[in-house]
Amino acid sequence: MKTPEQLKEAVARLGLQEWDHHPCMFCGYMTKYVFKEDKAYYDAGCKCENSGDVTEVDWVSVAEYYNSMKGPKMQQQFRHFFKFEEF
Protein backbone atom coordinates (compact mmCIF):
# COMPACT_ATOMS: atom_id res chain seq x y z
CA MET A 1 0.00 0.00 0.00
CA LYS A 2 1.24 3.45 -0.88
CA THR A 3 0.15 6.73 0.62
CA PRO A 4 -0.79 9.83 -1.36
CA GLU A 5 2.40 11.45 -0.11
CA GLN A 6 4.58 8.55 -1.35
CA LEU A 7 3.05 8.76 -4.83
CA LYS A 8 3.36 12.54 -4.95
CA GLU A 9 7.02 12.26 -3.94
CA ALA A 10 7.67 9.58 -6.58
CA VAL A 11 6.08 11.74 -9.30
CA ALA A 12 8.27 14.69 -8.31
CA ARG A 13 11.43 12.58 -7.97
CA LEU A 14 10.98 10.93 -11.36
CA GLY A 15 9.57 13.95 -13.19
CA LEU A 16 6.51 11.95 -14.28
CA GLN A 17 3.99 13.84 -16.38
CA GLU A 18 1.38 11.14 -17.12
CA TRP A 19 0.23 7.75 -15.89
CA ASP A 20 -2.10 5.73 -18.11
CA HIS A 21 -5.35 4.69 -16.46
CA HIS A 22 -7.39 2.66 -18.96
CA PRO A 23 -8.50 2.77 -22.59
CA CYS A 24 -12.04 3.82 -23.45
CA MET A 25 -13.97 0.69 -24.37
CA PHE A 26 -15.65 2.53 -27.24
CA CYS A 27 -12.91 4.50 -29.00
CA GLY A 28 -9.70 3.28 -27.35
CA TYR A 29 -8.58 6.70 -26.06
CA MET A 30 -6.18 6.13 -23.16
CA THR A 31 -7.50 7.94 -20.12
CA LYS A 32 -4.76 8.99 -17.75
CA TYR A 33 -3.59 10.88 -14.74
CA VAL A 34 -1.67 14.02 -15.65
CA PHE A 35 0.84 15.52 -13.23
CA LYS A 36 1.72 19.23 -13.35
CA GLU A 37 3.78 20.86 -10.65
CA ASP A 38 2.44 19.34 -7.42
CA LYS A 39 -1.10 18.70 -8.68
CA ALA A 40 -2.80 15.66 -10.17
CA TYR A 41 -5.47 15.71 -12.87
CA TYR A 42 -7.60 13.04 -14.53
CA ASP A 43 -7.82 13.24 -18.33
CA ALA A 44 -11.05 11.55 -19.36
CA GLY A 45 -10.07 12.38 -22.96
CA CYS A 46 -12.84 11.27 -25.21
CA LYS A 47 -16.50 12.21 -25.02
CA CYS A 48 -17.88 8.70 -25.43
CA GLU A 49 -19.26 8.42 -21.90
CA ASN A 50 -18.44 11.72 -20.23
CA SER A 51 -17.49 15.31 -20.88
CA GLY A 52 -13.91 14.47 -21.84
CA ASP A 53 -12.62 17.16 -19.52
CA VAL A 54 -9.36 17.21 -17.64
CA THR A 55 -10.28 17.64 -13.99
CA GLU A 56 -8.14 18.14 -10.93
CA VAL A 57 -8.15 15.20 -8.53
CA ASP A 58 -6.62 14.82 -5.11
CA TRP A 59 -3.66 12.60 -4.39
CA VAL A 60 -5.92 10.33 -2.33
CA SER A 61 -7.68 9.35 -5.58
CA VAL A 62 -4.35 8.56 -7.22
CA ALA A 63 -3.35 6.41 -4.23
CA GLU A 64 -6.71 4.63 -4.19
CA TYR A 65 -6.24 3.63 -7.82
CA TYR A 66 -2.65 2.52 -7.20
CA ASN A 67 -3.71 0.46 -4.18
CA SER A 68 -6.78 -1.02 -5.90
CA MET A 69 -4.78 -3.37 -8.10
CA LYS A 70 -4.85 -6.78 -6.47
CA GLY A 71 -3.25 -8.94 -9.17
CA PRO A 72 0.49 -9.55 -8.74
CA LYS A 73 1.28 -8.61 -12.35
CA MET A 74 -0.44 -5.22 -12.12
CA GLN A 75 1.08 -4.55 -8.71
CA GLN A 76 4.53 -5.24 -10.16
CA GLN A 77 3.86 -2.94 -13.16
CA PHE A 78 2.74 -0.13 -10.87
CA ARG A 79 5.76 -0.54 -8.58
CA HIS A 80 8.06 -0.54 -11.60
CA PHE A 81 6.43 2.59 -13.08
CA PHE A 82 6.92 4.54 -9.85
CA LYS A 83 10.34 2.94 -9.21
CA PHE A 84 9.39 1.58 -5.80
CA GLU A 85 12.07 -0.88 -4.77
CA GLU A 86 10.08 -3.51 -2.90
CA PHE A 87 8.88 -6.30 -5.19
C-alpha atoms as a PDB file:
ATOM      1  CA  MET A   1       0.000   0.000   0.000  1.00  0.00           C
ATOM      2  CA  LYS A   2       1.240   3.452  -0.884  1.00  0.00           C
ATOM      3  CA  THR A   3       0.149   6.727   0.620  1.00  0.00           C
ATOM      4  CA  PRO A   4      -0.791   9.825  -1.360  1.00  0.00           C
ATOM      5  CA  GLU A   5       2.398  11.450  -0.108  1.00  0.00           C
ATOM      6  CA  GLN A   6       4.577   8.554  -1.348  1.00  0.00           C
ATOM      7  CA  LEU A   7       3.049   8.761  -4.826  1.00  0.00           C
ATOM      8  CA  LYS A   8       3.361  12.544  -4.951  1.00  0.00           C
ATOM      9  CA  GLU A   9       7.025  12.261  -3.938  1.00  0.00           C
ATOM     10  CA  ALA A  10       7.674   9.577  -6.584  1.00  0.00           C
ATOM     11  CA  VAL A  11       6.080  11.739  -9.298  1.00  0.00           C
ATOM     12  CA  ALA A  12       8.268  14.687  -8.314  1.00  0.00           C
ATOM     13  CA  ARG A  13      11.433  12.583  -7.970  1.00  0.00           C
ATOM     14  CA  LEU A  14      10.977  10.931 -11.359  1.00  0.00           C
ATOM     15  CA  GLY A  15       9.569  13.946 -13.191  1.00  0.00           C
ATOM     16  CA  LEU A  16       6.512  11.949 -14.276  1.00  0.00           C
ATOM     17  CA  GLN A  17       3.993  13.838 -16.375  1.00  0.00           C
ATOM     18  CA  GLU A  18       1.380  11.136 -17.118  1.00  0.00           C
ATOM     19  CA  TRP A  19       0.230   7.754 -15.887  1.00  0.00           C
ATOM     20  CA  ASP A  20      -2.102   5.729 -18.110  1.00  0.00           C
ATOM     21  CA  HIS A  21      -5.346   4.688 -16.458  1.00  0.00           C
ATOM     22  CA  HIS A  22      -7.388   2.659 -18.964  1.00  0.00           C
ATOM     23  CA  PRO A  23      -8.502   2.768 -22.595  1.00  0.00           C
ATOM     24  CA  CYS A  24     -12.042   3.824 -23.455  1.00  0.00           C
ATOM     25  CA  MET A  25     -13.974   0.686 -24.370  1.00  0.00           C
ATOM     26  CA  PHE A  26     -15.651   2.535 -27.242  1.00  0.00           C
ATOM     27  CA  CYS A  27     -12.908   4.499 -29.004  1.00  0.00           C
ATOM     28  CA  GLY A  28      -9.699   3.277 -27.351  1.00  0.00           C
ATOM     29  CA  TYR A  29      -8.578   6.698 -26.060  1.00  0.00           C
ATOM     30  CA  MET A  30      -6.183   6.129 -23.163  1.00  0.00           C
ATOM     31  CA  THR A  31      -7.502   7.943 -20.124  1.00  0.00           C
ATOM     32  CA  LYS A  32      -4.757   8.990 -17.748  1.00  0.00           C
ATOM     33  CA  TYR A  33      -3.591  10.884 -14.743  1.00  0.00           C
ATOM     34  CA  VAL A  34      -1.675  14.024 -15.646  1.00  0.00           C
ATOM     35  CA  PHE A  35       0.838  15.521 -13.229  1.00  0.00           C
ATOM     36  CA  LYS A  36       1.725  19.228 -13.346  1.00  0.00           C
ATOM     37  CA  GLU A  37       3.785  20.857 -10.646  1.00  0.00           C
ATOM     38  CA  ASP A  38       2.436  19.339  -7.418  1.00  0.00           C
ATOM     39  CA  LYS A  39      -1.095  18.697  -8.677  1.00  0.00           C
ATOM     40  CA  ALA A  40      -2.802  15.663 -10.172  1.00  0.00           C
ATOM     41  CA  TYR A  41      -5.469  15.706 -12.871  1.00  0.00           C
ATOM     42  CA  TYR A  42      -7.598  13.044 -14.528  1.00  0.00           C
ATOM     43  CA  ASP A  43      -7.820  13.240 -18.327  1.00  0.00           C
ATOM     44  CA  ALA A  44     -11.053  11.546 -19.363  1.00  0.00           C
ATOM     45  CA  GLY A  45     -10.073  12.380 -22.955  1.00  0.00           C
ATOM     46  CA  CYS A  46     -12.843  11.267 -25.212  1.00  0.00           C
ATOM     47  CA  LYS A  47     -16.499  12.213 -25.016  1.00  0.00           C
ATOM     48  CA  CYS A  48     -17.883   8.700 -25.427  1.00  0.00           C
ATOM     49  CA  GLU A  49     -19.264   8.423 -21.896  1.00  0.00           C
ATOM     50  CA  ASN A  50     -18.439  11.719 -20.226  1.00  0.00           C
ATOM     51  CA  SER A  51     -17.485  15.315 -20.882  1.00  0.00           C
ATOM     52  CA  GLY A  52     -13.909  14.469 -21.836  1.00  0.00           C
ATOM     53  CA  ASP A  53     -12.619  17.162 -19.521  1.00  0.00           C
ATOM     54  CA  VAL A  54      -9.359  17.210 -17.637  1.00  0.00           C
ATOM     55  CA  THR A  55     -10.277  17.637 -13.988  1.00  0.00           C
ATOM     56  CA  GLU A  56      -8.136  18.140 -10.929  1.00  0.00           C
ATOM     57  CA  VAL A  57      -8.148  15.200  -8.528  1.00  0.00           C
ATOM     58  CA  ASP A  58      -6.618  14.817  -5.114  1.00  0.00           C
ATOM     59  CA  TRP A  59      -3.657  12.596  -4.392  1.00  0.00           C
ATOM     60  CA  VAL A  60      -5.917  10.330  -2.330  1.00  0.00           C
ATOM     61  CA  SER A  61      -7.681   9.353  -5.576  1.00  0.00           C
ATOM     62  CA  VAL A  62      -4.350   8.558  -7.219  1.00  0.00           C
ATOM     63  CA  ALA A  63      -3.347   6.414  -4.225  1.00  0.00           C
ATOM     64  CA  GLU A  64      -6.713   4.634  -4.191  1.00  0.00           C
ATOM     65  CA  TYR A  65      -6.239   3.629  -7.823  1.00  0.00           C
ATOM     66  CA  TYR A  66      -2.651   2.521  -7.195  1.00  0.00           C
ATOM     67  CA  ASN A  67      -3.708   0.458  -4.184  1.00  0.00           C
ATOM     68  CA  SER A  68      -6.781  -1.019  -5.900  1.00  0.00           C
ATOM     69  CA  MET A  69      -4.779  -3.365  -8.098  1.00  0.00           C
ATOM     70  CA  LYS A  70      -4.848  -6.781  -6.470  1.00  0.00           C
ATOM     71  CA  GLY A  71      -3.254  -8.936  -9.168  1.00  0.00           C
ATOM     72  CA  PRO A  72       0.494  -9.549  -8.743  1.00  0.00           C
ATOM     73  CA  LYS A  73       1.280  -8.612 -12.354  1.00  0.00           C
ATOM     74  CA  MET A  74      -0.438  -5.220 -12.121  1.00  0.00           C
ATOM     75  CA  GLN A  75       1.085  -4.549  -8.710  1.00  0.00           C
ATOM     76  CA  GLN A  76       4.527  -5.238 -10.160  1.00  0.00           C
ATOM     77  CA  GLN A  77       3.862  -2.945 -13.162  1.00  0.00           C
ATOM     78  CA  PHE A  78       2.743  -0.127 -10.873  1.00  0.00           C
ATOM     79  CA  ARG A  79       5.763  -0.537  -8.576  1.00  0.00           C
ATOM     80  CA  HIS A  80       8.059  -0.541 -11.604  1.00  0.00           C
ATOM     81  CA  PHE A  81       6.434   2.587 -13.085  1.00  0.00           C
ATOM     82  CA  PHE A  82       6.918   4.538  -9.845  1.00  0.00           C
ATOM     83  CA  LYS A  83      10.341   2.940  -9.210  1.00  0.00           C
ATOM     84  CA  PHE A  84       9.389   1.576  -5.801  1.00  0.00           C
ATOM     85  CA  GLU A  85      12.067  -0.879  -4.771  1.00  0.00           C
ATOM     86  CA  GLU A  86      10.085  -3.505  -2.896  1.00  0.00           C
ATOM     87  CA  PHE A  87       8.879  -6.296  -5.185  1.00  0.00           C
END
